[in-house]
Protein backbone atom coordinates (compact mmCIF):
# COMPACT_ATOMS: atom_id res chain seq x y z
CA UNK A 1 5.07 -2.22 -18.41
CA UNK A 2 3.53 -4.22 -15.54
CA UNK A 3 -0.25 -4.09 -15.03
CA UNK A 4 -0.16 -5.17 -11.49
CA UNK A 5 2.11 -3.93 -8.51
CA UNK A 6 2.76 -5.40 -5.12
CA UNK A 7 3.92 -2.85 -2.24
CA UNK A 8 5.10 -4.57 0.85
CA UNK A 9 5.19 -2.78 4.45
CA UNK A 10 7.23 -4.36 6.98
CA UNK A 11 7.17 -3.12 10.94
CA UNK A 12 9.01 -4.75 13.79
CA UNK A 13 6.60 -5.99 16.93
CA UNK A 14 5.91 -3.49 19.43
CA UNK A 15 3.09 -1.92 21.29
CA UNK A 16 0.17 -1.09 18.61
CA UNK A 17 2.27 -2.29 15.96
CA UNK A 18 -0.78 -4.04 14.41
CA UNK A 19 -2.36 -0.69 14.35
CA UNK A 20 0.56 1.32 13.09
CA UNK A 21 0.81 -1.12 10.13
CA UNK A 22 -2.98 -1.15 9.51
CA UNK A 23 -2.62 2.85 9.42
CA UNK A 24 0.21 2.76 7.11
CA UNK A 25 -1.35 0.25 4.79
CA UNK A 26 -4.42 2.54 4.33
CA UNK A 27 -2.52 5.83 3.95
CA UNK A 28 -0.73 3.90 0.76
CA UNK A 29 -3.82 2.60 -0.53
CA UNK A 30 -5.45 6.02 -0.46
CA UNK A 31 -2.50 7.56 -1.86
CA UNK A 32 -2.56 5.60 -4.72
CA UNK A 33 -5.85 5.53 -5.44
CA UNK A 34 -5.95 9.06 -5.90
CA UNK A 35 -3.12 8.52 -8.53
CA UNK A 36 -5.49 6.20 -10.62
CA UNK A 37 -4.33 2.71 -9.12
CA UNK A 38 -7.04 0.02 -8.09
CA UNK A 39 -6.97 -2.04 -5.24
CA UNK A 40 -6.74 -5.94 -5.74
CA UNK A 41 -6.17 -7.52 -2.32
CA UNK A 42 -4.58 -6.88 0.96
CA UNK A 43 -2.72 -9.53 3.29
CA UNK A 44 -1.18 -9.20 6.31
CA UNK A 45 1.24 -11.92 7.58
CA UNK A 46 3.03 -12.39 10.76
CA UNK A 47 6.77 -13.83 10.82
CA UNK A 48 6.80 -14.93 14.30
CA UNK A 49 10.54 -16.03 14.23
CA UNK A 50 11.80 -12.94 12.74
CA UNK A 51 9.57 -10.67 14.92
CA UNK A 52 7.97 -8.56 12.10
CA UNK A 53 4.33 -8.11 10.92
CA UNK A 54 4.06 -7.56 7.03
CA UNK A 55 1.49 -5.85 4.74
CA UNK A 56 1.44 -6.99 0.97
CA UNK A 57 -0.88 -4.77 -1.24
CA UNK A 58 -1.57 -5.59 -4.57
CA UNK A 59 -2.79 -2.85 -6.89
CA UNK A 60 -3.55 -2.42 -10.49
CA UNK A 61 -1.49 0.33 -12.33
CA UNK A 62 -3.55 2.95 -14.00
CA UNK A 63 -4.20 2.59 -17.76
CA UNK A 64 -3.55 -0.84 -18.21
CA UNK A 65 -6.00 -3.61 -18.88
C-alpha cells in the first residue's frame, strides 16, 4: 500500500482562475484531512504554453508510517 498520495487539480486560464484553483485545493485538503490524511506539500505550477494552472498536493495516507 502506498504511504503517500499526490493529487492534481488542473484549471484553464480564465478570469479569477488562480482564486478558483486555490479554493478547490483548500477544499480537497480539508476533505482529505478529515479522512485522516496529513498534508506534506502543496505546489502550484503554470503551463504557459498549454494555458493551464496546476495544483499538486502531496498527502500522507492514514495509518501509514
